[in-house]
């Protein structure tokens, strides 16, 4: 019996098909320069991986160990029907659907509903006949900085994920992450939300689905029908942090964990959340551990220095405020208001530092790094305009001002990321063990 261990070798070739054919004609198993793979637990990758920094990264704490509950985002399977920029239009559409008569094919055609969908038209109409349509229309985190309206009812939404999403109808925030990234993608798939969230919030690739990690869980019986929608009922039952994780931080910082700010000198749940958020926005962290951040939920390094913890948390809180568009982010960008403000294109002129939306109108004073900024798989400023081609800005939603807010938020994010990067190395020098 041959006890010698087998070796696994790897080679790949990028380029045009003709170039690949030429290579195959002149190479065989013997004269190809193979790369030997070192297979390691737990993933046993059959492709080369840069394992530099792995020992340090494995000392960090996975978000799966930090948070007790998480879920993938809402999947409607019929976005154009149950989601809209305008609440009134959405309510009218759903009400018209409920009253619609005729055979199923006619109704599907009238409302743009695919014949391949799992929607039972008659059952959905019957289920919705005796409800107040408006009460089930909610604010919805659809794409980065793109809030829309969703008719949030199980009859029309395929996968509502209400067991956790309803916790975001009150005073709450959530961390949105992607578990696995496609080859070649960089880790930048992190965003805060304070509303129920779409499955492809961070990427239009379904394999890179967004997962939602709420900070708080609410104490409401029968959440799906009542309580969580009642603004008077805001009782927090518990944080969504695992108890073992809380115990570790309490011991490391010699502070008592508390849910809110009513207890002075405590270890506040919201501070922990924003520390995580700050770390995940460090470009140094992202670049250093990109290989590992592509294959599972991120692991977070926690410093044992409480002052440093607070410093990062405060920066993370500023980031969160920017990304929730709270207040008015500062920006030098301006909008040329002369014209009808119809979005006909989205064209960036690097020399002029302008984003043109039609032949005459543009957003000015936009730096290239701001225009090219990505959150997840989306180039934020381009994506927002792309989804509104043909629409007019400066309507009832004051879209031009909203876009200026997004520009300001990205400008502020770039500055804060640089500040976090300055202090990030200190975190790894003082890790909680």
Protein backbone atom coordinates (compact mmCIF):
# COMPACT_ATOMS: atom_id res chain seq x y z
CA UNK A 1 0.00 0.00 0.00
CA UNK A 2 1.39 3.42 -1.01
CA UNK A 3 1.18 5.70 2.03
CA UNK A 4 2.70 8.67 0.24
CA UNK A 5 0.35 11.66 0.35
CA UNK A 6 -1.02 12.88 -2.97
CA UNK A 7 -0.29 16.39 -4.17
CA UNK A 8 -2.88 18.71 -5.67
CA UNK A 9 -1.64 21.22 -8.22
CA UNK A 10 -3.37 24.13 -9.92
CA UNK A 11 -3.03 26.18 -13.08
CA UNK A 12 -5.34 28.66 -14.75
CA UNK A 13 -5.17 30.73 -17.92
CA UNK A 14 -6.95 33.98 -18.68
CA UNK A 15 -7.42 35.47 -22.14
CA UNK A 16 -9.06 34.97 -25.49
CA UNK A 17 -10.15 31.55 -26.72
CA UNK A 18 -7.55 31.54 -29.55
CA UNK A 19 -4.76 32.19 -27.04
CA UNK A 20 -5.99 29.32 -24.89
CA UNK A 21 -6.03 26.98 -27.92
CA UNK A 22 -2.43 27.94 -28.76
CA UNK A 23 -1.39 27.23 -25.19
CA UNK A 24 -3.02 23.80 -25.22
CA UNK A 25 -1.31 22.93 -28.50
CA UNK A 26 2.14 23.60 -27.04
CA UNK A 27 1.70 22.39 -23.43
CA UNK A 28 0.87 19.18 -21.65
CA UNK A 29 0.87 17.91 -18.07
CA UNK A 30 4.65 17.77 -17.93
CA UNK A 31 5.68 21.20 -19.23
CA UNK A 32 2.89 23.26 -17.58
CA UNK A 33 4.05 25.32 -14.61
CA UNK A 34 1.72 24.01 -11.93
CA UNK A 35 1.16 25.65 -8.56
CA UNK A 36 0.97 23.23 -5.67
CA UNK A 37 -1.97 23.85 -3.34
CA UNK A 38 -1.85 23.58 0.42
CA UNK A 39 -5.29 22.36 1.52
CA UNK A 40 -6.24 23.57 4.98
CA UNK A 41 -9.23 23.38 7.27
CA UNK A 42 -12.00 24.36 7.30
CA UNK A 43 -12.51 25.30 3.62
CA UNK A 44 -10.00 23.15 1.67
CA UNK A 45 -9.89 25.56 -1.27
CA UNK A 46 -9.02 24.09 -4.66
CA UNK A 47 -7.71 27.47 -5.85
CA UNK A 48 -4.70 29.49 -4.64
CA UNK A 49 -5.39 31.75 -1.68
CA UNK A 50 -3.23 34.39 -0.06
CA UNK A 51 -3.15 33.07 3.51
CA UNK A 52 -1.05 35.95 4.83
CA UNK A 53 -2.59 37.24 8.04
CA UNK A 54 -4.76 34.16 8.56
CA UNK A 55 -3.42 33.42 12.05
CA UNK A 56 -4.28 36.93 13.21
CA UNK A 57 -7.66 36.95 11.49
CA UNK A 58 -8.70 33.71 13.18
CA UNK A 59 -8.31 35.46 16.54
CA UNK A 60 -11.10 37.88 15.67
CA UNK A 61 -14.76 37.31 16.58
CA UNK A 62 -17.21 36.33 13.86
CA UNK A 63 -20.44 38.32 13.57
CA UNK A 64 -22.17 34.94 13.86
CA UNK A 65 -20.76 34.70 17.38
CA UNK A 66 -21.61 38.34 18.13
CA UNK A 67 -25.26 38.41 17.05
CA UNK A 68 -27.84 35.85 18.11
CA UNK A 69 -30.27 36.25 15.21
CA UNK A 70 -29.99 37.22 11.58
CA UNK A 71 -31.87 36.66 8.34
CA UNK A 72 -31.51 37.29 4.64
CA UNK A 73 -33.33 40.35 3.34
CA UNK A 74 -36.86 40.55 2.01
CA UNK A 75 -37.47 38.95 -1.39
CA UNK A 76 -40.69 40.03 -3.08
CA UNK A 77 -40.26 38.22 -6.47
CA UNK A 78 -42.39 41.05 -7.93
CA UNK A 79 -40.61 44.33 -7.12
CA UNK A 80 -42.28 46.35 -9.89
CA UNK A 81 -45.68 45.51 -8.43
CA UNK A 82 -45.24 45.83 -4.65
CA UNK A 83 -42.50 48.51 -4.54
CA UNK A 84 -42.76 52.11 -5.70
CA UNK A 85 -41.11 55.53 -5.39
CA UNK A 86 -44.53 57.02 -4.61
CA UNK A 87 -46.70 55.78 -1.74
CA UNK A 88 -49.97 57.03 -3.27
CA UNK A 89 -49.28 55.27 -6.57
CA UNK A 90 -48.49 52.03 -4.76
CA UNK A 91 -51.67 52.15 -2.67
CA UNK A 92 -53.77 52.81 -5.77
CA UNK A 93 -52.13 49.94 -7.66
CA UNK A 94 -52.75 47.40 -4.91
CA UNK A 95 -56.33 48.61 -4.39
CA UNK A 96 -56.99 48.32 -8.13
CA UNK A 97 -55.53 44.82 -8.14
CA UNK A 98 -57.85 43.73 -5.32
CA UNK A 99 -60.89 44.93 -7.26
CA UNK A 100 -59.71 43.68 -10.67
CA UNK A 101 -62.00 41.28 -12.51
CA UNK A 102 -61.36 38.93 -15.42
CA UNK A 103 -59.40 35.76 -15.99
CA UNK A 104 -56.00 35.24 -14.38
CA UNK A 105 -54.01 35.85 -17.57
CA UNK A 106 -55.71 39.21 -18.08
CA UNK A 107 -54.99 40.32 -14.49
CA UNK A 108 -51.38 39.17 -14.70
CA UNK A 109 -50.91 41.06 -17.95
CA UNK A 110 -52.57 44.20 -16.57
CA UNK A 111 -50.23 44.40 -13.58
CA UNK A 112 -47.04 43.05 -15.16
CA UNK A 113 -47.10 39.85 -13.11
CA UNK A 114 -45.16 36.93 -14.52
CA UNK A 115 -47.11 33.81 -15.41
CA UNK A 116 -44.24 31.80 -13.98
CA UNK A 117 -44.59 33.26 -10.48
CA UNK A 118 -45.99 31.31 -7.53
CA UNK A 119 -48.68 33.96 -6.94
CA UNK A 120 -52.24 32.68 -6.68
CA UNK A 121 -54.20 35.67 -8.01
CA UNK A 122 -57.63 34.70 -6.68
CA UNK A 123 -56.34 33.82 -3.22
CA UNK A 124 -54.33 37.06 -2.97
CA UNK A 125 -57.39 39.13 -3.93
CA UNK A 126 -59.56 37.33 -1.37
CA UNK A 127 -56.94 37.77 1.37
CA UNK A 128 -56.66 41.51 0.73
CA UNK A 129 -60.34 42.40 0.31
CA UNK A 130 -61.01 43.26 3.95
CA UNK A 131 -57.76 44.96 4.99
CA UNK A 132 -56.68 48.59 5.04
CA UNK A 133 -54.14 48.66 2.19
CA UNK A 134 -52.40 51.79 3.47
CA UNK A 135 -51.55 50.23 6.84
CA UNK A 136 -49.35 47.63 5.16
CA UNK A 137 -47.31 50.14 3.15
CA UNK A 138 -43.97 50.78 4.82
CA UNK A 139 -40.66 52.59 4.32
CA UNK A 140 -38.22 50.17 2.75
CA UNK A 141 -34.42 50.10 2.41
CA UNK A 142 -34.20 49.05 -1.24
CA UNK A 143 -30.67 50.03 -2.35
CA UNK A 144 -27.90 52.16 -0.79
CA UNK A 145 -29.42 55.58 0.03
CA UNK A 146 -32.52 54.57 -1.91
CA UNK A 147 -35.61 54.35 0.31
CA UNK A 148 -38.84 53.31 -1.38
CA UNK A 149 -42.34 52.14 -0.39
CA UNK A 150 -43.20 48.47 0.00
CA UNK A 151 -46.61 46.83 0.31
CA UNK A 152 -45.49 44.50 3.10
CA UNK A 153 -48.11 41.78 3.07
CA UNK A 154 -47.54 38.02 2.96
CA UNK A 155 -50.14 37.63 0.21
CA UNK A 156 -47.94 39.44 -2.32
CA UNK A 157 -44.42 39.33 -0.85
CA UNK A 158 -42.83 35.95 -1.43
CA UNK A 159 -40.33 35.94 1.46
CA UNK A 160 -41.13 38.72 3.94
CA UNK A 161 -38.77 37.53 6.74
CA UNK A 162 -41.07 39.15 9.29
CA UNK A 163 -39.73 37.18 12.26
CA UNK A 164 -36.79 39.63 12.37
CA UNK A 165 -37.70 42.41 9.95
CA UNK A 166 -40.58 43.60 12.10
CA UNK A 167 -38.02 44.53 14.75
CA UNK A 168 -36.94 47.30 12.38
CA UNK A 169 -40.32 49.05 12.48
CA UNK A 170 -39.42 50.70 15.78
CA UNK A 171 -36.40 52.66 17.00
CA UNK A 172 -33.78 50.20 15.80
CA UNK A 173 -30.79 49.77 13.52
CA UNK A 174 -29.32 46.78 11.74
CA UNK A 175 -26.04 45.72 10.19
CA UNK A 176 -26.31 44.48 6.60
CA UNK A 177 -23.63 42.12 5.32
CA UNK A 178 -22.97 39.61 2.55
CA UNK A 179 -21.79 36.13 3.44
CA UNK A 180 -19.89 35.07 0.32
CA UNK A 181 -18.45 37.20 -2.49
CA UNK A 182 -17.81 36.14 -6.06
CA UNK A 183 -14.21 35.70 -7.24
CA UNK A 184 -12.59 39.03 -8.00
CA UNK A 185 -14.97 41.08 -5.86
CA UNK A 186 -13.66 43.31 -3.10
CA UNK A 187 -15.18 43.37 0.38
CA UNK A 188 -17.14 46.60 0.74
CA UNK A 189 -20.53 45.02 1.42
CA UNK A 190 -21.45 46.73 4.69
CA UNK A 191 -24.32 49.13 5.33
CA UNK A 192 -26.52 50.21 8.22
CA UNK A 193 -30.31 50.31 7.90
CA UNK A 194 -33.20 51.29 10.14
CA UNK A 195 -35.99 49.81 8.02
CA UNK A 196 -36.94 46.40 6.61
CA UNK A 197 -34.35 45.67 3.97
CA UNK A 198 -34.19 44.16 0.49
CA UNK A 199 -32.35 40.92 -0.26
CA UNK A 200 -30.12 42.56 -2.86
CA UNK A 201 -29.56 45.80 -0.96
CA UNK A 202 -25.79 45.40 -1.40
CA UNK A 203 -25.44 43.54 -4.69
CA UNK A 204 -27.59 42.73 -7.70
CA UNK A 205 -25.99 39.29 -7.79
CA UNK A 206 -28.37 36.91 -6.02
CA UNK A 207 -25.46 34.78 -4.79
CA UNK A 208 -24.38 37.85 -2.80
CA UNK A 209 -27.59 38.20 -0.84
CA UNK A 210 -27.72 40.71 2.01
CA UNK A 211 -28.15 39.42 5.56
CA UNK A 212 -29.66 41.59 8.28
CA UNK A 213 -28.39 41.66 11.88
CA UNK A 214 -30.71 43.82 14.07
CA UNK A 215 -29.30 45.50 17.16
CA UNK A 216 -32.46 45.16 19.29
CA UNK A 217 -35.24 42.63 19.56
CA UNK A 218 -38.63 43.87 20.74
CA UNK A 219 -41.01 42.38 23.26
CA UNK A 220 -44.30 42.11 21.40
CA UNK A 221 -46.74 39.27 21.34
CA UNK A 222 -47.98 38.39 17.89
CA UNK A 223 -45.57 40.82 16.18
CA UNK A 224 -46.92 40.20 12.72
CA UNK A 225 -50.36 41.57 13.51
CA UNK A 226 -49.82 44.16 16.19
CA UNK A 227 -47.47 45.77 18.67
CA UNK A 228 -44.41 46.31 16.51
CA UNK A 229 -46.45 48.62 14.25
CA UNK A 230 -47.78 50.53 17.25
CA UNK A 231 -45.64 53.62 17.86
CA UNK A 232 -46.70 53.65 21.53
CA UNK A 233 -45.24 50.20 22.13
CA UNK A 234 -41.47 50.53 22.01
CA UNK A 235 -40.37 48.25 24.82
CA UNK A 236 -36.98 46.68 24.13
CA UNK A 237 -36.88 43.09 25.25
CA UNK A 238 -33.16 42.45 24.72
CA UNK A 239 -30.20 43.16 22.53
CA UNK A 240 -29.44 40.78 19.71
CA UNK A 241 -25.96 40.09 21.06
CA UNK A 242 -25.02 36.61 22.21
CA UNK A 243 -24.62 36.31 25.97
CA UNK A 244 -21.15 34.73 25.73
CA UNK A 245 -20.01 37.70 23.67
CA UNK A 246 -21.46 40.15 26.21
CA UNK A 247 -19.71 38.29 29.03
CA UNK A 248 -16.41 38.55 27.21
CA UNK A 249 -16.68 42.31 26.76
CA UNK A 250 -17.89 42.89 30.32
CA UNK A 251 -14.86 41.02 31.63
CA UNK A 252 -12.43 42.75 29.26
CA UNK A 253 -13.68 46.29 29.93
CA UNK A 254 -14.78 45.82 33.55
CA UNK A 255 -18.09 47.46 32.71
CA UNK A 256 -21.70 46.33 32.97
CA UNK A 257 -23.56 45.82 29.71
CA UNK A 258 -26.67 48.01 29.38
CA UNK A 259 -29.25 48.33 26.60
CA UNK A 260 -29.58 52.12 26.60
CA UNK A 261 -27.92 55.25 27.84
CA UNK A 262 -29.81 55.63 31.12
CA UNK A 263 -26.99 54.00 33.11
CA UNK A 264 -23.84 56.14 33.23
CA UNK A 265 -20.49 54.46 32.73
CA UNK A 266 -21.95 51.30 31.22
CA UNK A 267 -21.03 49.26 28.20
CA UNK A 268 -23.77 50.37 25.85
CA UNK A 269 -25.21 48.08 23.19
CA UNK A 270 -25.24 50.87 20.61
CA UNK A 271 -21.53 51.60 21.21
CA UNK A 272 -20.68 47.97 20.49
CA UNK A 273 -22.71 48.12 17.29
CA UNK A 274 -20.94 51.23 16.05
CA UNK A 275 -17.52 49.88 16.99
CA UNK A 276 -18.22 46.93 14.68
CA UNK A 277 -19.43 49.31 11.99
CA UNK A 278 -16.32 51.46 12.28
CA UNK A 279 -13.95 48.49 12.00
CA UNK A 280 -15.78 47.07 8.98
CA UNK A 281 -15.31 50.41 7.18
CA UNK A 282 -11.55 50.45 7.70
CA UNK A 283 -9.86 50.17 4.31
CA UNK A 284 -6.76 48.76 6.00
CA UNK A 285 -8.83 45.98 7.54
CA UNK A 286 -10.64 45.31 4.26
CA UNK A 287 -7.48 45.14 2.17
CA UNK A 288 -5.50 43.09 4.66
CA UNK A 289 -8.15 40.40 5.12
CA UNK A 290 -9.93 40.54 1.75
CA UNK A 291 -9.35 36.83 1.02
CA UNK A 292 -11.08 35.79 4.25
CA UNK A 293 -13.84 38.40 4.00
CA UNK A 294 -14.95 36.86 0.70
CA UNK A 295 -15.66 33.38 2.06
CA UNK A 296 -17.82 33.92 5.14
CA UNK A 297 -19.31 36.59 7.36
CA UNK A 298 -16.56 38.90 8.66
CA UNK A 299 -14.64 38.41 11.86
CA UNK A 300 -14.17 41.56 13.94
CA UNK A 301 -11.06 42.42 15.97
CA UNK A 302 -11.91 43.79 19.43
CA UNK A 303 -9.36 45.88 21.27
CA UNK A 304 -8.97 45.44 25.01
CA UNK A 305 -8.29 49.19 25.32
CA UNK A 306 -11.67 50.72 26.21
CA UNK A 307 -10.60 54.25 25.22
CA UNK A 308 -9.64 52.96 21.78
CA UNK A 309 -12.92 51.03 21.63
CA UNK A 310 -14.84 54.26 22.28
CA UNK A 311 -12.76 56.17 19.74
CA UNK A 312 -13.58 53.69 16.99
CA UNK A 313 -17.21 53.48 18.12
CA UNK A 314 -17.61 57.26 17.91
CA UNK A 315 -16.25 57.25 14.36
CA UNK A 316 -18.57 54.35 13.52
CA UNK A 317 -21.49 56.35 14.89
CA UNK A 318 -20.61 59.29 12.64
CA UNK A 319 -20.54 56.88 9.70
CA UNK A 320 -23.92 55.48 10.68
CA UNK A 321 -25.41 58.97 10.91
CA UNK A 322 -24.11 59.76 7.42
CA UNK A 323 -25.40 56.51 5.94
CA UNK A 324 -28.86 57.00 7.46
CA UNK A 325 -28.79 60.55 6.04
CA UNK A 326 -29.51 62.04 9.44
CA UNK A 327 -29.10 65.79 9.38
CA UNK A 328 -27.60 67.48 6.34
CA UNK A 329 -24.14 66.21 5.34
CA UNK A 330 -21.79 69.03 4.32
CA UNK A 331 -20.90 69.19 0.64
CA UNK A 332 -19.64 71.71 -1.90
CA UNK A 333 -21.60 69.97 -4.63
CA UNK A 334 -24.25 72.05 -6.39
CA UNK A 335 -27.12 71.34 -8.75
CA UNK A 336 -27.77 73.31 -11.93
CA UNK A 337 -31.52 73.88 -11.64
CA UNK A 338 -32.16 75.49 -15.05
CA UNK A 339 -34.25 73.10 -17.14
CA UNK A 340 -36.87 70.44 -16.53
CA UNK A 341 -34.54 68.25 -14.42
CA UNK A 342 -35.39 65.07 -16.32
CA UNK A 343 -32.78 62.34 -15.96
CA UNK A 344 -31.83 61.31 -19.49
CA UNK A 345 -28.36 60.01 -18.76
CA UNK A 346 -25.70 59.83 -16.07
CA UNK A 347 -22.37 60.98 -17.42
CA UNK A 348 -19.37 62.01 -15.33
CA UNK A 349 -16.95 64.61 -16.70
CA UNK A 350 -13.74 64.18 -14.74
CA UNK A 351 -12.19 67.43 -15.96
CA UNK A 352 -15.23 69.51 -15.03
CA UNK A 353 -16.05 67.36 -11.99
CA UNK A 354 -19.67 67.28 -13.08
CA UNK A 355 -22.33 64.57 -13.29
CA UNK A 356 -24.61 65.37 -16.20
CA UNK A 357 -28.21 64.13 -16.06
CA UNK A 358 -29.20 65.65 -19.42
CA UNK A 359 -27.70 67.99 -22.04
CA UNK A 360 -27.78 71.09 -19.83
CA UNK A 361 -28.14 70.05 -16.19
CA UNK A 362 -25.55 68.60 -13.88
CA UNK A 363 -24.39 68.14 -10.31
CA UNK A 364 -21.10 70.02 -9.92
CA UNK A 365 -18.02 69.91 -7.65
CA UNK A 366 -17.92 66.11 -7.44
CA UNK A 367 -14.47 64.57 -7.02
CA UNK A 368 -13.64 61.39 -8.99
CA UNK A 369 -13.26 59.31 -5.81
CA UNK A 370 -16.79 60.35 -4.79
CA UNK A 371 -18.29 59.49 -8.18
CA UNK A 372 -16.46 56.15 -8.21
CA UNK A 373 -17.35 55.20 -4.63
CA UNK A 374 -18.86 51.75 -4.17
CA UNK A 375 -20.99 50.26 -1.42
CA UNK A 376 -21.28 46.57 -2.07
CA UNK A 377 -21.60 45.90 -5.78
CA UNK A 378 -23.09 49.32 -6.55
CA UNK A 379 -21.36 52.48 -7.71
CA UNK A 380 -23.62 54.54 -5.49
CA UNK A 381 -24.06 57.83 -7.39
CA UNK A 382 -24.38 56.12 -10.76
CA UNK A 383 -26.81 53.47 -9.49
CA UNK A 384 -29.16 56.00 -7.92
CA UNK A 385 -29.46 57.93 -11.20
CA UNK A 386 -29.65 54.80 -13.34
CA UNK A 387 -32.76 53.64 -11.46
CA UNK A 388 -34.44 56.99 -12.21
CA UNK A 389 -33.78 57.37 -15.94
CA UNK A 390 -36.78 59.14 -17.46
CA UNK A 391 -37.93 60.60 -14.15
CA UNK A 392 -37.90 64.28 -13.19
CA UNK A 393 -35.89 65.52 -10.22
CA UNK A 394 -37.13 68.24 -7.85
CA UNK A 395 -40.52 66.57 -7.59
CA UNK A 396 -42.48 65.98 -4.41
CA UNK A 397 -39.59 63.99 -2.91
CA UNK A 398 -37.10 66.81 -3.58
CA UNK A 399 -34.82 64.31 -5.28
CA UNK A 400 -32.09 66.80 -6.20
CA UNK A 401 -31.52 67.70 -2.55
CA UNK A 402 -31.56 64.02 -1.65
CA UNK A 403 -28.85 63.34 -4.23
CA UNK A 404 -26.77 66.18 -2.78
CA UNK A 405 -27.17 64.55 0.63
CA UNK A 406 -25.85 61.28 -0.79
CA UNK A 407 -22.84 63.11 -2.24
CA UNK A 408 -22.17 64.68 1.15
CA UNK A 409 -22.53 61.31 2.88
CA UNK A 410 -19.95 59.73 0.56
CA UNK A 411 -17.55 62.64 0.99
CA UNK A 412 -17.87 62.31 4.76
CA UNK A 413 -17.45 58.53 4.58
CA UNK A 414 -14.15 58.82 2.70
CA UNK A 415 -12.82 61.24 5.35
CA UNK A 416 -13.94 59.05 8.26
CA UNK A 417 -12.43 55.93 6.68
CA UNK A 418 -9.06 57.71 6.64
CA UNK A 419 -9.44 58.58 10.33
CA UNK A 420 -10.31 54.98 11.21
CA UNK A 421 -7.33 53.73 9.21
CA UNK A 422 -4.99 55.93 11.26
CA UNK A 423 -5.94 54.15 14.47
CA UNK A 424 -6.82 50.69 13.15
CA UNK A 425 -3.28 49.23 13.65
CA UNK A 426 -3.62 49.96 17.38
CA UNK A 427 -6.57 47.56 17.56
CA UNK A 428 -4.52 44.58 16.43
CA UNK A 429 -1.79 45.43 18.95
CA UNK A 430 -4.22 45.08 21.85
CA UNK A 431 -6.64 42.29 20.98
CA UNK A 432 -9.06 40.74 23.43
CA UNK A 433 -8.11 37.08 23.75
